[in-house]
Amino acid sequence: MTYAAVAWGYVSKTMKKRLQAQQNMALREAVDAPWYVPNRVLYDELRQVPVVIQMRERARKFFEKK
């Protein structure tokens, strides 16, 4: 999901929400978490960073290098 994260920085808010939802579903499926477990708990327990934040950080680092 984070391949070419710099380019993903230019997608619409709707597409970013879809990507985030996809990551949420993948994490939930990976650990077989029930629907009532909050996403924040999944990210904290699995030490993951939401894909939208990863994209923003990678884009920021990429453009700071230049």
Protein backbone atom coordinates (compact mmCIF):
# COMPACT_ATOMS: atom_id res chain seq x y z
CA MET A 1 0.00 0.00 0.00
CA THR A 2 2.85 2.37 0.59
CA TYR A 3 4.56 1.72 -2.74
CA ALA A 4 5.15 5.10 -4.41
CA ALA A 5 3.71 6.84 -1.36
CA VAL A 6 4.83 10.21 -2.69
CA ALA A 7 2.47 9.88 -5.65
CA TRP A 8 -0.36 8.74 -3.40
CA GLY A 9 -0.12 12.07 -1.63
CA TYR A 10 -1.97 13.67 -4.53
CA VAL A 11 -5.07 11.48 -4.49
CA SER A 12 -8.47 12.76 -3.34
CA LYS A 13 -9.71 12.60 0.24
CA THR A 14 -12.18 9.95 -0.83
CA MET A 15 -9.40 7.72 -2.17
CA LYS A 16 -7.36 8.22 1.01
CA LYS A 17 -10.38 7.15 3.07
CA ARG A 18 -10.74 4.05 0.91
CA LEU A 19 -7.08 3.17 1.36
CA GLN A 20 -7.40 3.65 5.10
CA ALA A 21 -10.49 1.46 5.21
CA GLN A 22 -8.62 -1.21 3.26
CA GLN A 23 -5.78 -1.16 5.77
CA ASN A 24 -8.25 -1.33 8.66
CA MET A 25 -9.91 -4.40 7.14
CA ALA A 26 -6.56 -6.08 6.48
CA LEU A 27 -5.38 -5.57 10.07
CA ARG A 28 -8.69 -6.75 11.47
CA GLU A 29 -8.57 -9.86 9.26
CA ALA A 30 -4.92 -10.59 10.11
CA VAL A 31 -5.60 -10.82 13.83
CA ASP A 32 -9.20 -12.04 13.57
CA ALA A 33 -10.45 -9.06 15.58
CA PRO A 34 -14.21 -8.67 16.02
CA TRP A 35 -16.03 -5.64 14.62
CA TYR A 36 -16.37 -3.93 17.99
CA VAL A 37 -12.62 -3.58 18.60
CA PRO A 38 -11.71 0.04 17.77
CA ASN A 39 -9.21 0.61 14.98
CA ARG A 40 -7.02 2.66 17.34
CA VAL A 41 -6.60 -0.42 19.56
CA LEU A 42 -5.57 -2.50 16.55
CA TYR A 43 -2.95 0.05 15.50
CA ASP A 44 -1.60 0.43 19.03
CA GLU A 45 -1.42 -3.30 19.74
CA LEU A 46 0.12 -4.13 16.36
CA ARG A 47 2.42 -1.09 16.42
CA GLN A 48 1.19 0.03 13.02
CA VAL A 49 0.86 3.52 11.58
CA PRO A 50 -2.22 4.41 9.51
CA VAL A 51 -1.45 4.39 5.79
CA VAL A 52 -2.53 8.03 5.36
CA ILE A 53 0.03 9.14 7.94
CA GLN A 54 2.71 6.95 6.36
CA MET A 55 2.06 8.50 2.96
CA ARG A 56 2.21 12.03 4.36
CA GLU A 57 5.48 11.37 6.22
CA ARG A 58 7.17 9.69 3.27
CA ALA A 59 6.15 12.52 0.95
CA ARG A 60 7.43 15.09 3.44
CA LYS A 61 10.79 13.29 3.76
CA PHE A 62 11.08 12.92 -0.01
CA PHE A 63 10.54 16.61 -0.68
CA GLU A 64 12.80 17.72 2.18
CA LYS A 65 15.73 15.91 0.55
CA LYS A 66 15.65 18.20 -2.46
